[in-house]
C-alpha atoms as a PDB file:
ATOM      1  CA  UNK A   1      92.698  91.943 118.917  1.00  0.00           C
ATOM      2  CA  UNK A   2      93.217  88.710 116.983  1.00  0.00           C
ATOM      3  CA  UNK A   3      93.345  89.008 113.207  1.00  0.00           C
ATOM      4  CA  UNK A   4      93.081  86.006 110.851  1.00  0.00           C
ATOM      5  CA  UNK A   5      94.239  87.032 107.380  1.00  0.00           C
ATOM      6  CA  UNK A   6      92.886  85.398 104.230  1.00  0.00           C
ATOM      7  CA  UNK A   7      94.894  84.959 101.067  1.00  0.00           C
ATOM      8  CA  UNK A   8      93.891  88.222  99.393  1.00  0.00           C
ATOM      9  CA  UNK A   9      94.538  90.359 102.450  1.00  0.00           C
ATOM     10  CA  UNK A  10      98.031  88.912 102.978  1.00  0.00           C
ATOM     11  CA  UNK A  11      98.929  89.408  99.332  1.00  0.00           C
ATOM     12  CA  UNK A  12      97.556  92.935  99.261  1.00  0.00           C
ATOM     13  CA  UNK A  13      99.515  93.747 102.439  1.00  0.00           C
ATOM     14  CA  UNK A  14     102.745  92.288 101.039  1.00  0.00           C
ATOM     15  CA  UNK A  15     102.282  93.969  97.610  1.00  0.00           C
ATOM     16  CA  UNK A  16     101.240  97.418  98.958  1.00  0.00           C
ATOM     17  CA  UNK A  17      97.950  97.481  97.026  1.00  0.00           C
ATOM     18  CA  UNK A  18      94.181  97.465  97.570  1.00  0.00           C
ATOM     19  CA  UNK A  19      94.375  97.449 101.361  1.00  0.00           C
ATOM     20  CA  UNK A  20      92.751 100.219 103.294  1.00  0.00           C
ATOM     21  CA  UNK A  21      94.822 102.322 105.702  1.00  0.00           C
ATOM     22  CA  UNK A  22      92.789 101.098 108.765  1.00  0.00           C
ATOM     23  CA  UNK A  23      93.363  97.464 107.759  1.00  0.00           C
ATOM     24  CA  UNK A  24      97.083  98.061 107.188  1.00  0.00           C
ATOM     25  CA  UNK A  25      97.375  99.836 110.565  1.00  0.00           C
ATOM     26  CA  UNK A  26      95.559  96.996 112.364  1.00  0.00           C
ATOM     27  CA  UNK A  27      97.898  94.400 110.830  1.00  0.00           C
ATOM     28  CA  UNK A  28     101.034  96.489 111.747  1.00  0.00           C
ATOM     29  CA  UNK A  29      99.882  97.203 115.293  1.00  0.00           C
ATOM     30  CA  UNK A  30     102.131  95.129 117.635  1.00  0.00           C
ATOM     31  CA  UNK A  31      99.218  94.955 120.119  1.00  0.00           C
ATOM     32  CA  UNK A  32      97.308  92.765 117.658  1.00  0.00           C
ATOM     33  CA  UNK A  33      97.883  89.050 117.096  1.00  0.00           C
ATOM     34  CA  UNK A  34      98.075  88.269 113.381  1.00  0.00           C
ATOM     35  CA  UNK A  35      97.565  84.696 112.166  1.00  0.00           C
ATOM     36  CA  UNK A  36      97.297  82.919 108.848  1.00  0.00           C
ATOM     37  CA  UNK A  37      95.995  79.461 108.032  1.00  0.00           C
ATOM     38  CA  UNK A  38      98.073  76.617 106.611  1.00  0.00           C
ATOM     39  CA  UNK A  39      95.733  76.765 103.594  1.00  0.00           C
ATOM     40  CA  UNK A  40      96.850  80.348 103.008  1.00  0.00           C
ATOM     41  CA  UNK A  41     100.535  79.280 103.087  1.00  0.00           C
ATOM     42  CA  UNK A  42      99.778  76.648 100.466  1.00  0.00           C
ATOM     43  CA  UNK A  43      97.950  79.225  98.303  1.00  0.00           C
ATOM     44  CA  UNK A  44     100.887  81.594  98.606  1.00  0.00           C
ATOM     45  CA  UNK A  45     103.228  78.824  97.495  1.00  0.00           C
ATOM     46  CA  UNK A  46     101.011  78.214  94.420  1.00  0.00           C
ATOM     47  CA  UNK A  47     100.851  81.958  93.738  1.00  0.00           C
ATOM     48  CA  UNK A  48     104.677  82.298  93.787  1.00  0.00           C
ATOM     49  CA  UNK A  49     105.179  79.104  91.714  1.00  0.00           C
ATOM     50  CA  UNK A  50     102.732  80.327  89.076  1.00  0.00           C
ATOM     51  CA  UNK A  51     104.886  83.422  88.688  1.00  0.00           C
ATOM     52  CA  UNK A  52     108.135  81.605  88.237  1.00  0.00           C
ATOM     53  CA  UNK A  53     109.360  81.456  91.792  1.00  0.00           C
ATOM     54  CA  UNK A  54     110.799  84.039  94.139  1.00  0.00           C
END
């Protein structure tokens, strides 16, 4: 299955919060292809910068 993650789903996955077990399992399943958009990468950069960097 192909999965396209939006900003919230990626952040929830990375931060271990607000993501259902079935969603987390689908993302972790190596049989699935997980993709993100370049827009999401830009939003993630803004998110990190707003919090003082990594």
